[in-house]
Amino acid sequence: MSRAEPLTIRAMAAHVPSAAQTLAEAAAEIGLNGMQVRMFGRLFGLERLPYDPGESLETLLVSALDALASQDPAAIRRVRYVIHTHTIPAVRPAFARIGLNLPQRIETLSLTMAHCASGLVALEMLDDLLISGETAIILAGEKAFHPRVRVIQDTTVMSDGAVALLVGRGEGRIAVRATHAIHDGRFAISRGHRGEEPALPDNYVGFVGAHIRAALTRFGLAPGDLRLILPHNVNLVSWGAIAKTLGLPLTAVYTRNIPRYGHCFGADPLLNLMDAEADGLLAPGDRALCVSVGMGMSAAATLIDILPAPVPASIPAQRKDLSPCS
């Protein structure tokens, strides 16, 4: 296997339902009282929650995949692997329920053990699997289908959304330099429910800050070397505290999507990558760190570089059915 060519993200697409709820509208369904609504809204920065009960997980994934395929159908037909990354357990792979309209020779798999960090872990996996000339698709998508999975107690509220990435070696717009993933077994049974691992809130900020520092040390970098941190969208308070532990202002973390989307499971850092580019906050030569933390304190951080000059065969990012920023 040759790694002379770097792993690159060649194209990105997303689907987020246009239908959405405000916190107040969601409160009755997900069991929030008035104080919790004010906490999530005024303090944590959540405003709008994309959520369409009539749209299935399959629709989310196919919509993101179709948006990706429309950019370069020929490239999609040459795909070697398709990986669906998700947090919620499944009794059978999503691919068994949807028509991917992809070649029969592809291998499909599901990646879930890192929970909301699985999308970044998939990049690390593909760095091991892909050889020159091969490409793969990552589908990071989840459906907040039940009140029990829509709320992480005193932390965040979940939303619907999916991202599709076309990944290969060599040509591309974004170079994936390395991924650092860890798991803290002290919190292995934590599922976001009250009474599980009561020490978790007290350790969360320190855990994430230490994880980012460890990743940067491994990569030979300091926090100030990054143009942006592209986070999972838990809440503004947590990321403000994490940024402070790193000696960075909150503006060094891309938090614009916290009020716009809430927490779209493992799609968050990839959605944020797309939107930070669209907002003009990432330019050729910039370096960024995608960060996500999953239940049970699984965490991953992926270092990316925006390449100085687009390769002629590269594909521009495309979005589908994304709501305007509120």
C-alpha atoms as a PDB file:
ATOM      1  CA  MET A   1       0.000   0.000   0.000  1.00  0.00           C
ATOM      2  CA  SER A   2       1.392   3.369  -1.013  1.00  0.00           C
ATOM      3  CA  ARG A   3       0.939   6.454   1.139  1.00  0.00           C
ATOM      4  CA  ALA A   4       3.072   8.734  -0.980  1.00  0.00           C
ATOM      5  CA  GLU A   5      -0.079  10.664  -1.831  1.00  0.00           C
ATOM      6  CA  PRO A   6      -1.956  12.318   1.040  1.00  0.00           C
ATOM      7  CA  LEU A   7      -5.531  11.471   1.908  1.00  0.00           C
ATOM      8  CA  THR A   8      -7.769  14.245   0.583  1.00  0.00           C
ATOM      9  CA  ILE A   9     -11.380  15.323   0.738  1.00  0.00           C
ATOM     10  CA  ARG A  10     -12.390  15.781  -2.888  1.00  0.00           C
ATOM     11  CA  ALA A  11     -16.011  16.821  -2.502  1.00  0.00           C
ATOM     12  CA  MET A  12     -18.575  17.512   0.213  1.00  0.00           C
ATOM     13  CA  ALA A  13     -22.363  17.670   0.278  1.00  0.00           C
ATOM     14  CA  ALA A  14     -24.969  17.843   3.013  1.00  0.00           C
ATOM     15  CA  HIS A  15     -28.660  17.522   3.680  1.00  0.00           C
ATOM     16  CA  VAL A  16     -30.341  19.161   6.650  1.00  0.00           C
ATOM     17  CA  PRO A  17     -34.155  19.218   6.766  1.00  0.00           C
ATOM     18  CA  SER A  18     -35.724  22.577   6.005  1.00  0.00           C
ATOM     19  CA  ALA A  19     -38.338  21.836   8.673  1.00  0.00           C
ATOM     20  CA  ALA A  20     -37.235  22.855  12.150  1.00  0.00           C
ATOM     21  CA  GLN A  21     -38.443  23.485  15.693  1.00  0.00           C
ATOM     22  CA  THR A  22     -37.635  26.211  18.146  1.00  0.00           C
ATOM     23  CA  LEU A  23     -36.636  25.117  21.628  1.00  0.00           C
ATOM     24  CA  ALA A  24     -40.052  26.127  22.908  1.00  0.00           C
ATOM     25  CA  GLU A  25     -41.762  24.042  20.231  1.00  0.00           C
ATOM     26  CA  ALA A  26     -39.592  21.017  20.998  1.00  0.00           C
ATOM     27  CA  ALA A  27     -39.916  21.320  24.786  1.00  0.00           C
ATOM     28  CA  ALA A  28     -43.171  19.399  25.196  1.00  0.00           C
ATOM     29  CA  GLU A  29     -42.004  16.546  22.975  1.00  0.00           C
ATOM     30  CA  ILE A  30     -38.615  16.079  24.606  1.00  0.00           C
ATOM     31  CA  GLY A  31     -39.568  16.830  28.205  1.00  0.00           C
ATOM     32  CA  LEU A  32     -37.907  20.185  28.848  1.00  0.00           C
ATOM     33  CA  ASN A  33     -39.279  22.492  31.516  1.00  0.00           C
ATOM     34  CA  GLY A  34     -39.189  26.277  31.294  1.00  0.00           C
ATOM     35  CA  MET A  35     -35.895  26.567  33.145  1.00  0.00           C
ATOM     36  CA  GLN A  36     -34.237  24.058  30.826  1.00  0.00           C
ATOM     37  CA  VAL A  37     -35.543  25.889  27.754  1.00  0.00           C
ATOM     38  CA  ARG A  38     -33.995  29.109  29.047  1.00  0.00           C
ATOM     39  CA  MET A  39     -30.732  27.327  29.883  1.00  0.00           C
ATOM     40  CA  PHE A  40     -30.392  25.738  26.442  1.00  0.00           C
ATOM     41  CA  GLY A  41     -31.389  28.964  24.713  1.00  0.00           C
ATOM     42  CA  ARG A  42     -29.983  31.920  26.625  1.00  0.00           C
ATOM     43  CA  LEU A  43     -26.925  30.230  28.109  1.00  0.00           C
ATOM     44  CA  PHE A  44     -26.015  27.409  25.725  1.00  0.00           C
ATOM     45  CA  GLY A  45     -26.860  29.252  22.509  1.00  0.00           C
ATOM     46  CA  LEU A  46     -29.323  26.817  20.929  1.00  0.00           C
ATOM     47  CA  GLU A  47     -32.097  28.385  18.849  1.00  0.00           C
ATOM     48  CA  ARG A  48     -33.228  26.349  15.865  1.00  0.00           C
ATOM     49  CA  LEU A  49     -33.432  22.543  15.679  1.00  0.00           C
ATOM     50  CA  PRO A  50     -33.737  20.976  12.197  1.00  0.00           C
ATOM     51  CA  TYR A  51     -36.229  18.168  12.677  1.00  0.00           C
ATOM     52  CA  ASP A  52     -38.678  16.550  10.289  1.00  0.00           C
ATOM     53  CA  PRO A  53     -40.589  13.573  11.742  1.00  0.00           C
ATOM     54  CA  GLY A  54     -41.748  12.664   8.238  1.00  0.00           C
ATOM     55  CA  GLU A  55     -38.215  12.328   6.880  1.00  0.00           C
ATOM     56  CA  SER A  56     -36.510   8.992   7.503  1.00  0.00           C
ATOM     57  CA  LEU A  57     -32.843   8.227   8.097  1.00  0.00           C
ATOM     58  CA  GLU A  58     -32.751   6.705   4.638  1.00  0.00           C
ATOM     59  CA  THR A  59     -34.034   9.957   3.105  1.00  0.00           C
ATOM     60  CA  LEU A  60     -31.385  11.957   4.968  1.00  0.00           C
ATOM     61  CA  LEU A  61     -28.572   9.723   3.745  1.00  0.00           C
ATOM     62  CA  VAL A  62     -29.789   9.394   0.161  1.00  0.00           C
ATOM     63  CA  SER A  63     -30.326  13.162  -0.118  1.00  0.00           C
ATOM     64  CA  ALA A  64     -26.747  13.856   0.977  1.00  0.00           C
ATOM     65  CA  LEU A  65     -25.415  11.107  -1.285  1.00  0.00           C
ATOM     66  CA  ASP A  66     -27.409  12.345  -4.290  1.00  0.00           C
ATOM     67  CA  ALA A  67     -26.071  15.869  -3.759  1.00  0.00           C
ATOM     68  CA  LEU A  68     -22.547  14.467  -3.712  1.00  0.00           C
ATOM     69  CA  ALA A  69     -23.115  12.269  -6.768  1.00  0.00           C
ATOM     70  CA  SER A  70     -24.522  15.148  -8.806  1.00  0.00           C
ATOM     71  CA  GLN A  71     -21.165  16.924  -8.623  1.00  0.00           C
ATOM     72  CA  ASP A  72     -19.273  14.203 -10.493  1.00  0.00           C
ATOM     73  CA  PRO A  73     -21.230  11.016 -11.321  1.00  0.00           C
ATOM     74  CA  ALA A  74     -18.188   9.389 -12.916  1.00  0.00           C
ATOM     75  CA  ALA A  75     -16.136   9.783  -9.730  1.00  0.00           C
ATOM     76  CA  ILE A  76     -18.916   8.267  -7.635  1.00  0.00           C
ATOM     77  CA  ARG A  77     -19.051   5.211  -9.905  1.00  0.00           C
ATOM     78  CA  ARG A  78     -15.387   4.501  -9.124  1.00  0.00           C
ATOM     79  CA  VAL A  79     -15.910   4.404  -5.342  1.00  0.00           C
ATOM     80  CA  ARG A  80     -14.339   1.459  -3.493  1.00  0.00           C
ATOM     81  CA  TYR A  81     -15.848   1.828   0.007  1.00  0.00           C
ATOM     82  CA  VAL A  82     -18.923   3.456   1.548  1.00  0.00           C
ATOM     83  CA  ILE A  83     -18.895   3.962   5.327  1.00  0.00           C
ATOM     84  CA  HIS A  84     -21.952   5.033   7.327  1.00  0.00           C
ATOM     85  CA  THR A  85     -20.906   6.513  10.673  1.00  0.00           C
ATOM     86  CA  HIS A  86     -23.553   6.741  13.378  1.00  0.00           C
ATOM     87  CA  THR A  87     -24.166   6.851  17.120  1.00  0.00           C
ATOM     88  CA  ILE A  88     -27.590   5.229  17.488  1.00  0.00           C
ATOM     89  CA  PRO A  89     -27.414   1.401  17.352  1.00  0.00           C
ATOM     90  CA  ALA A  90     -28.943  -0.282  14.317  1.00  0.00           C
ATOM     91  CA  VAL A  91     -30.268  -3.811  13.903  1.00  0.00           C
ATOM     92  CA  ARG A  92     -29.125  -3.874  10.274  1.00  0.00           C
ATOM     93  CA  PRO A  93     -26.994  -1.604   8.106  1.00  0.00           C
ATOM     94  CA  ALA A  94     -28.739   1.383   6.585  1.00  0.00           C
ATOM     95  CA  PHE A  95     -27.440   0.237   3.195  1.00  0.00           C
ATOM     96  CA  ALA A  96     -29.762  -2.768   3.387  1.00  0.00           C
ATOM     97  CA  ARG A  97     -32.751  -0.417   3.364  1.00  0.00           C
ATOM     98  CA  ILE A  98     -31.732   2.100   0.719  1.00  0.00           C
ATOM     99  CA  GLY A  99     -30.722   1.952  -2.909  1.00  0.00           C
ATOM    100  CA  LEU A 100     -27.295   3.571  -3.155  1.00  0.00           C
ATOM    101  CA  ASN A 101     -27.183   3.362  -6.960  1.00  0.00           C
ATOM    102  CA  LEU A 102     -23.494   2.506  -6.706  1.00  0.00           C
ATOM    103  CA  PRO A 103     -21.380  -0.260  -8.267  1.00  0.00           C
ATOM    104  CA  GLN A 104     -21.929  -3.759  -6.906  1.00  0.00           C
ATOM    105  CA  ARG A 105     -18.209  -4.199  -6.259  1.00  0.00           C
ATOM    106  CA  ILE A 106     -18.093  -1.609  -3.475  1.00  0.00           C
ATOM    107  CA  GLU A 107     -17.740  -2.613   0.146  1.00  0.00           C
ATOM    108  CA  THR A 108     -20.194  -1.028   2.574  1.00  0.00           C
ATOM    109  CA  LEU A 109     -19.704  -0.879   6.306  1.00  0.00           C
ATOM    110  CA  SER A 110     -21.004   0.786   9.424  1.00  0.00           C
ATOM    111  CA  LEU A 111     -18.803   2.528  11.996  1.00  0.00           C
ATOM    112  CA  THR A 112     -20.305   3.372  15.372  1.00  0.00           C
ATOM    113  CA  MET A 113     -18.041   2.543  18.323  1.00  0.00           C
ATOM    114  CA  ALA A 114     -16.663   6.095  18.576  1.00  0.00           C
ATOM    115  CA  HIS A 115     -20.233   7.434  18.565  1.00  0.00           C
ATOM    116  CA  CYS A 116     -20.313  11.099  17.476  1.00  0.00           C
ATOM    117  CA  ALA A 117     -16.569  10.971  16.798  1.00  0.00           C
ATOM    118  CA  SER A 118     -16.982   8.117  14.301  1.00  0.00           C
ATOM    119  CA  GLY A 119     -16.949  10.369  11.231  1.00  0.00           C
ATOM    120  CA  LEU A 120     -13.420  11.512  12.042  1.00  0.00           C
ATOM    121  CA  VAL A 121     -12.311   7.997  12.956  1.00  0.00           C
ATOM    122  CA  ALA A 122     -13.543   6.924   9.507  1.00  0.00           C
ATOM    123  CA  LEU A 123     -10.999   9.289   7.951  1.00  0.00           C
ATOM    124  CA  GLU A 124      -8.254   7.563   9.922  1.00  0.00           C
ATOM    125  CA  MET A 125      -9.558   4.165   8.796  1.00  0.00           C
ATOM    126  CA  LEU A 126      -9.587   5.217   5.148  1.00  0.00           C
ATOM    127  CA  ASP A 127      -6.010   6.446   5.448  1.00  0.00           C
ATOM    128  CA  ASP A 128      -5.147   2.802   6.138  1.00  0.00           C
ATOM    129  CA  LEU A 129      -7.477   1.265   3.539  1.00  0.00           C
ATOM    130  CA  LEU A 130      -7.223   3.424   0.439  1.00  0.00           C
ATOM    131  CA  ILE A 131      -4.478   2.994  -2.124  1.00  0.00           C
ATOM    132  CA  SER A 132      -3.660   5.281  -5.024  1.00  0.00           C
ATOM    133  CA  GLY A 133      -6.542   5.502  -7.464  1.00  0.00           C
ATOM    134  CA  GLU A 134      -9.208   4.399  -4.975  1.00  0.00           C
ATOM    135  CA  THR A 135     -11.910   6.597  -3.471  1.00  0.00           C
ATOM    136  CA  ALA A 136     -14.468   6.193  -0.700  1.00  0.00           C
ATOM    137  CA  ILE A 137     -17.594   7.875   0.610  1.00  0.00           C
ATOM    138  CA  ILE A 138     -18.239   8.725   4.248  1.00  0.00           C
ATOM    139  CA  LEU A 139     -21.892   9.209   5.165  1.00  0.00           C
ATOM    140  CA  ALA A 140     -22.191  10.833   8.600  1.00  0.00           C
ATOM    141  CA  GLY A 141     -25.888  11.031   9.322  1.00  0.00           C
ATOM    142  CA  GLU A 142     -28.384  10.447  12.077  1.00  0.00           C
ATOM    143  CA  LYS A 143     -32.100  10.731  12.782  1.00  0.00           C
ATOM    144  CA  ALA A 144     -33.231  12.162  16.137  1.00  0.00           C
ATOM    145  CA  PHE A 145     -36.202   9.831  16.038  1.00  0.00           C
ATOM    146  CA  HIS A 146     -37.205   9.582  19.721  1.00  0.00           C
ATOM    147  CA  PRO A 147     -37.340  11.977  22.712  1.00  0.00           C
ATOM    148  CA  ARG A 148     -34.782   9.849  24.590  1.00  0.00           C
ATOM    149  CA  VAL A 149     -32.168  10.395  21.887  1.00  0.00           C
ATOM    150  CA  ARG A 150     -32.965  14.067  21.295  1.00  0.00           C
ATOM    151  CA  VAL A 151     -31.572  15.361  24.598  1.00  0.00           C
ATOM    152  CA  ILE A 152     -28.208  14.941  26.300  1.00  0.00           C
ATOM    153  CA  GLN A 153     -29.005  15.946  29.854  1.00  0.00           C
ATOM    154  CA  ASP A 154     -27.925  19.509  30.683  1.00  0.00           C
ATOM    155  CA  THR A 155     -25.659  19.542  27.615  1.00  0.00           C
ATOM    156  CA  THR A 156     -27.395  19.845  24.239  1.00  0.00           C
ATOM    157  CA  VAL A 157     -30.359  18.978  22.014  1.00  0.00           C
ATOM    158  CA  MET A 158     -29.986  16.782  18.945  1.00  0.00           C
ATOM    159  CA  SER A 159     -31.085  17.559  15.381  1.00  0.00           C
ATOM    160  CA  ASP A 160     -31.402  15.783  12.035  1.00  0.00           C
ATOM    161  CA  GLY A 161     -28.700  16.067   9.397  1.00  0.00           C
ATOM    162  CA  ALA A 162     -26.297  14.191   7.152  1.00  0.00           C
ATOM    163  CA  VAL A 163     -23.005  14.904   5.392  1.00  0.00           C
ATOM    164  CA  ALA A 164     -21.409  12.987   2.513  1.00  0.00           C
ATOM    165  CA  LEU A 165     -17.685  13.179   1.754  1.00  0.00           C
ATOM    166  CA  LEU A 166     -15.803  11.860  -1.264  1.00  0.00           C
ATOM    167  CA  VAL A 167     -12.327  10.890  -0.068  1.00  0.00           C
ATOM    168  CA  GLY A 168      -9.313   9.718  -2.051  1.00  0.00           C
ATOM    169  CA  ARG A 169      -5.568  10.078  -2.425  1.00  0.00           C
ATOM    170  CA  GLY A 170      -3.704  12.815  -4.209  1.00  0.00           C
ATOM    171  CA  GLU A 171      -5.851  15.400  -5.939  1.00  0.00           C
ATOM    172  CA  GLY A 172      -8.365  17.251  -3.815  1.00  0.00           C
ATOM    173  CA  ARG A 173      -9.152  20.518  -2.075  1.00  0.00           C
ATOM    174  CA  ILE A 174      -8.513  19.528   1.527  1.00  0.00           C
ATOM    175  CA  ALA A 175      -5.609  17.405   2.772  1.00  0.00           C
ATOM    176  CA  VAL A 176      -6.274  15.139   5.760  1.00  0.00           C
ATOM    177  CA  ARG A 177      -2.964  15.151   7.615  1.00  0.00           C
ATOM    178  CA  ALA A 178      -3.649  12.982  10.675  1.00  0.00           C
ATOM    179  CA  THR A 179      -6.275  11.883  13.192  1.00  0.00           C
ATOM    180  CA  HIS A 180      -5.797  11.422  16.930  1.00  0.00           C
ATOM    181  CA  ALA A 181      -8.476   9.335  18.680  1.00  0.00           C
ATOM    182  CA  ILE A 182      -8.810   8.360  22.337  1.00  0.00           C
ATOM    183  CA  HIS A 183     -11.308   6.787  24.726  1.00  0.00           C
ATOM    184  CA  ASP A 184     -11.602   7.409  28.464  1.00  0.00           C
ATOM    185  CA  GLY A 185     -12.907   4.175  29.973  1.00  0.00           C
ATOM    186  CA  ARG A 186     -13.969   5.850  33.224  1.00  0.00           C
ATOM    187  CA  PHE A 187     -17.061   7.097  31.430  1.00  0.00           C
ATOM    188  CA  ALA A 188     -17.715   4.103  29.206  1.00  0.00           C
ATOM    189  CA  ILE A 189     -21.349   3.605  30.251  1.00  0.00           C
ATOM    190  CA  SER A 190     -22.389   7.243  29.947  1.00  0.00           C
ATOM    191  CA  ARG A 191     -25.331   7.676  27.563  1.00  0.00           C
ATOM    192  CA  GLY A 192     -26.364  11.179  28.551  1.00  0.00           C
ATOM    193  CA  HIS A 193     -28.976  10.096  31.081  1.00  0.00           C
ATOM    194  CA  ARG A 194     -29.293  11.526  34.567  1.00  0.00           C
ATOM    195  CA  GLY A 195     -27.429   9.548  37.219  1.00  0.00           C
ATOM    196  CA  GLU A 196     -24.906   7.970  34.861  1.00  0.00           C
ATOM    197  CA  GLU A 197     -21.310   8.936  35.627  1.00  0.00           C
ATOM    198  CA  PRO A 198     -22.104  11.987  37.796  1.00  0.00           C
ATOM    199  CA  ALA A 199     -18.491  13.186  37.570  1.00  0.00           C
ATOM    200  CA  LEU A 200     -18.708  13.539  33.785  1.00  0.00           C
ATOM    201  CA  PRO A 201     -19.787  17.226  33.666  1.00  0.00           C
ATOM    202  CA  ASP A 202     -16.922  18.197  35.971  1.00  0.00           C
ATOM    203  CA  ASN A 203     -14.390  16.422  33.751  1.00  0.00           C
ATOM    204  CA  TYR A 204     -15.752  17.269  30.304  1.00  0.00           C
ATOM    205  CA  VAL A 205     -14.008  20.588  29.604  1.00  0.00           C
ATOM    206  CA  GLY A 206     -10.681  19.337  30.934  1.00  0.00           C
ATOM    207  CA  PHE A 207     -11.007  16.102  28.967  1.00  0.00           C
ATOM    208  CA  VAL A 208     -11.676  17.846  25.646  1.00  0.00           C
ATOM    209  CA  GLY A 209      -8.984  20.454  26.237  1.00  0.00           C
ATOM    210  CA  ALA A 210      -6.426  17.768  27.112  1.00  0.00           C
ATOM    211  CA  HIS A 211      -7.436  15.750  24.052  1.00  0.00           C
ATOM    212  CA  ILE A 212      -6.893  18.723  21.740  1.00  0.00           C
ATOM    213  CA  ARG A 213      -3.530  19.490  23.324  1.00  0.00           C
ATOM    214  CA  ALA A 214      -2.440  15.855  23.009  1.00  0.00           C
ATOM    215  CA  ALA A 215      -3.473  15.822  19.353  1.00  0.00           C
ATOM    216  CA  LEU A 216      -1.583  19.027  18.606  1.00  0.00           C
ATOM    217  CA  THR A 217       1.499  17.755  20.430  1.00  0.00           C
ATOM    218  CA  ARG A 218       1.398  14.594  18.332  1.00  0.00           C
ATOM    219  CA  PHE A 219       1.074  16.727  15.190  1.00  0.00           C
ATOM    220  CA  GLY A 220       3.931  19.028  16.258  1.00  0.00           C
ATOM    221  CA  LEU A 221       1.681  22.084  16.529  1.00  0.00           C
ATOM    222  CA  ALA A 222       0.454  24.635  19.068  1.00  0.00           C
ATOM    223  CA  PRO A 223      -3.118  25.986  19.381  1.00  0.00           C
ATOM    224  CA  GLY A 224      -2.058  29.255  17.772  1.00  0.00           C
ATOM    225  CA  ASP A 225      -1.020  27.404  14.589  1.00  0.00           C
ATOM    226  CA  LEU A 226      -4.668  26.694  13.783  1.00  0.00           C
ATOM    227  CA  ARG A 227      -6.863  28.984  11.734  1.00  0.00           C
ATOM    228  CA  LEU A 228      -9.999  27.422  13.215  1.00  0.00           C
ATOM    229  CA  ILE A 229     -11.261  24.627  15.407  1.00  0.00           C
ATOM    230  CA  LEU A 230     -14.274  22.956  13.766  1.00  0.00           C
ATOM    231  CA  PRO A 231     -16.179  21.434  16.690  1.00  0.00           C
ATOM    232  CA  HIS A 232     -19.114  19.229  17.487  1.00  0.00           C
ATOM    233  CA  ASN A 233     -21.993  21.575  18.292  1.00  0.00           C
ATOM    234  CA  VAL A 234     -22.733  20.819  21.931  1.00  0.00           C
ATOM    235  CA  ASN A 235     -23.103  24.333  23.332  1.00  0.00           C
ATOM    236  CA  LEU A 236     -21.420  27.734  23.535  1.00  0.00           C
ATOM    237  CA  VAL A 237     -20.578  27.507  27.239  1.00  0.00           C
ATOM    238  CA  SER A 238     -18.542  24.317  26.890  1.00  0.00           C
ATOM    239  CA  TRP A 239     -16.617  25.577  23.887  1.00  0.00           C
ATOM    240  CA  GLY A 240     -15.954  28.916  25.524  1.00  0.00           C
ATOM    241  CA  ALA A 241     -14.405  27.106  28.481  1.00  0.00           C
ATOM    242  CA  ILE A 242     -12.443  24.703  26.247  1.00  0.00           C
ATOM    243  CA  ALA A 243     -11.059  27.592  24.188  1.00  0.00           C
ATOM    244  CA  LYS A 244      -9.972  29.308  27.400  1.00  0.00           C
ATOM    245  CA  THR A 245      -8.032  26.230  28.535  1.00  0.00           C
ATOM    246  CA  LEU A 246      -6.210  26.329  25.186  1.00  0.00           C
ATOM    247  CA  GLY A 247      -5.400  30.022  25.517  1.00  0.00           C
ATOM    248  CA  LEU A 248      -7.632  30.856  22.556  1.00  0.00           C
ATOM    249  CA  PRO A 249     -10.558  33.259  22.123  1.00  0.00           C
ATOM    250  CA  LEU A 250     -13.956  31.754  21.389  1.00  0.00           C
ATOM    251  CA  THR A 251     -13.667  33.238  17.886  1.00  0.00           C
ATOM    252  CA  ALA A 252     -11.004  30.593  17.187  1.00  0.00           C
ATOM    253  CA  VAL A 253     -13.802  28.006  17.364  1.00  0.00           C
ATOM    254  CA  TYR A 254     -16.432  27.910  14.613  1.00  0.00           C
ATOM    255  CA  THR A 255     -19.630  28.165  16.672  1.00  0.00           C
ATOM    256  CA  ARG A 256     -21.987  29.759  14.135  1.00  0.00           C
ATOM    257  CA  ASN A 257     -23.854  26.499  13.595  1.00  0.00           C
ATOM    258  CA  ILE A 258     -24.725  25.925  17.255  1.00  0.00           C
ATOM    259  CA  PRO A 259     -27.775  28.245  17.074  1.00  0.00           C
ATOM    260  CA  ARG A 260     -28.517  27.225  13.489  1.00  0.00           C
ATOM    261  CA  TYR A 261     -28.418  23.426  13.758  1.00  0.00           C
ATOM    262  CA  GLY A 262     -28.063  22.275  17.350  1.00  0.00           C
ATOM    263  CA  HIS A 263     -26.111  19.022  17.608  1.00  0.00           C
ATOM    264  CA  CYS A 264     -26.367  16.890  14.431  1.00  0.00           C
ATOM    265  CA  PHE A 265     -24.550  13.935  15.991  1.00  0.00           C
ATOM    266  CA  GLY A 266     -21.313  13.030  14.133  1.00  0.00           C
ATOM    267  CA  ALA A 267     -22.062  15.292  11.157  1.00  0.00           C
ATOM    268  CA  ASP A 268     -21.220  18.459  13.140  1.00  0.00           C
ATOM    269  CA  PRO A 269     -17.506  19.015  12.416  1.00  0.00           C
ATOM    270  CA  LEU A 270     -18.000  18.157   8.741  1.00  0.00           C
ATOM    271  CA  LEU A 271     -20.964  20.527   8.427  1.00  0.00           C
ATOM    272  CA  ASN A 272     -18.822  23.144  10.121  1.00  0.00           C
ATOM    273  CA  LEU A 273     -15.999  22.537   7.652  1.00  0.00           C
ATOM    274  CA  MET A 274     -18.382  23.137   4.754  1.00  0.00           C
ATOM    275  CA  ASP A 275     -19.891  26.251   6.281  1.00  0.00           C
ATOM    276  CA  ALA A 276     -16.591  27.759   7.441  1.00  0.00           C
ATOM    277  CA  GLU A 277     -15.380  27.515   3.846  1.00  0.00           C
ATOM    278  CA  ALA A 278     -18.625  29.007   2.553  1.00  0.00           C
ATOM    279  CA  ASP A 279     -18.334  31.860   5.068  1.00  0.00           C
ATOM    280  CA  GLY A 280     -14.845  32.703   3.798  1.00  0.00           C
ATOM    281  CA  LEU A 281     -13.159  31.768   7.080  1.00  0.00           C
ATOM    282  CA  LEU A 282     -10.897  29.121   5.557  1.00  0.00           C
ATOM    283  CA  ALA A 283      -8.603  29.941   2.652  1.00  0.00           C
ATOM    284  CA  PRO A 284      -5.822  28.103   0.815  1.00  0.00           C
ATOM    285  CA  GLY A 285      -2.888  27.603   3.152  1.00  0.00           C
ATOM    286  CA  ASP A 286      -5.042  27.559   6.300  1.00  0.00           C
ATOM    287  CA  ARG A 287      -4.867  24.737   8.814  1.00  0.00           C
ATOM    288  CA  ALA A 288      -7.849  23.616  10.904  1.00  0.00           C
ATOM    289  CA  LEU A 289      -8.693  20.962  13.469  1.00  0.00           C
ATOM    290  CA  CYS A 290     -11.963  19.021  13.327  1.00  0.00           C
ATOM    291  CA  VAL A 291     -12.936  17.873  16.825  1.00  0.00           C
ATOM    292  CA  SER A 292     -15.743  15.634  18.023  1.00  0.00           C
ATOM    293  CA  VAL A 293     -16.564  13.838  21.265  1.00  0.00           C
ATOM    294  CA  GLY A 294     -18.929  10.883  21.511  1.00  0.00           C
ATOM    295  CA  MET A 295     -20.843   9.338  24.366  1.00  0.00           C
ATOM    296  CA  GLY A 296     -18.655   7.367  26.749  1.00  0.00           C
ATOM    297  CA  MET A 297     -15.910   9.963  26.247  1.00  0.00           C
ATOM    298  CA  SER A 298     -14.654   8.784  22.874  1.00  0.00           C
ATOM    299  CA  ALA A 299     -12.917  11.658  21.110  1.00  0.00           C
ATOM    300  CA  ALA A 300     -11.202  12.317  17.802  1.00  0.00           C
ATOM    301  CA  ALA A 301      -9.327  15.271  16.338  1.00  0.00           C
ATOM    302  CA  THR A 302      -8.436  15.453  12.638  1.00  0.00           C
ATOM    303  CA  LEU A 303      -5.879  17.906  11.266  1.00  0.00           C
ATOM    304  CA  ILE A 304      -6.684  19.298   7.819  1.00  0.00           C
ATOM    305  CA  ASP A 305      -4.978  21.716   5.439  1.00  0.00           C
ATOM    306  CA  ILE A 306      -6.770  23.793   2.831  1.00  0.00           C
ATOM    307  CA  LEU A 307      -4.575  23.155  -0.173  1.00  0.00           C
ATOM    308  CA  PRO A 308      -2.885  26.202  -1.743  1.00  0.00           C
ATOM    309  CA  ALA A 309      -4.259  25.672  -5.235  1.00  0.00           C
ATOM    310  CA  PRO A 310      -7.229  23.585  -6.352  1.00  0.00           C
ATOM    311  CA  VAL A 311      -6.420  20.738  -8.683  1.00  0.00           C
ATOM    312  CA  PRO A 312      -8.288  21.119 -12.014  1.00  0.00           C
ATOM    313  CA  ALA A 313     -10.153  17.865 -11.408  1.00  0.00           C
ATOM    314  CA  SER A 314     -11.315  18.938  -7.959  1.00  0.00           C
ATOM    315  CA  ILE A 315     -14.992  19.363  -7.246  1.00  0.00           C
ATOM    316  CA  PRO A 316     -16.519  22.401  -5.515  1.00  0.00           C
ATOM    317  CA  ALA A 317     -18.453  21.919  -2.304  1.00  0.00           C
ATOM    318  CA  GLN A 318     -22.202  21.733  -2.793  1.00  0.00           C
ATOM    319  CA  ARG A 319     -25.008  22.010  -0.301  1.00  0.00           C
ATOM    320  CA  LYS A 320     -28.525  20.717  -0.601  1.00  0.00           C
ATOM    321  CA  ASP A 321     -31.606  21.873   1.294  1.00  0.00           C
ATOM    322  CA  LEU A 322     -29.646  23.708   3.957  1.00  0.00           C
ATOM    323  CA  SER A 323     -31.518  26.317   5.912  1.00  0.00           C
ATOM    324  CA  PRO A 324     -30.373  29.948   6.016  1.00  0.00           C
ATOM    325  CA  CYS A 325     -28.496  31.146   9.047  1.00  0.00           C
ATOM    326  CA  SER A 326     -30.884  32.583  11.577  1.00  0.00           C
END
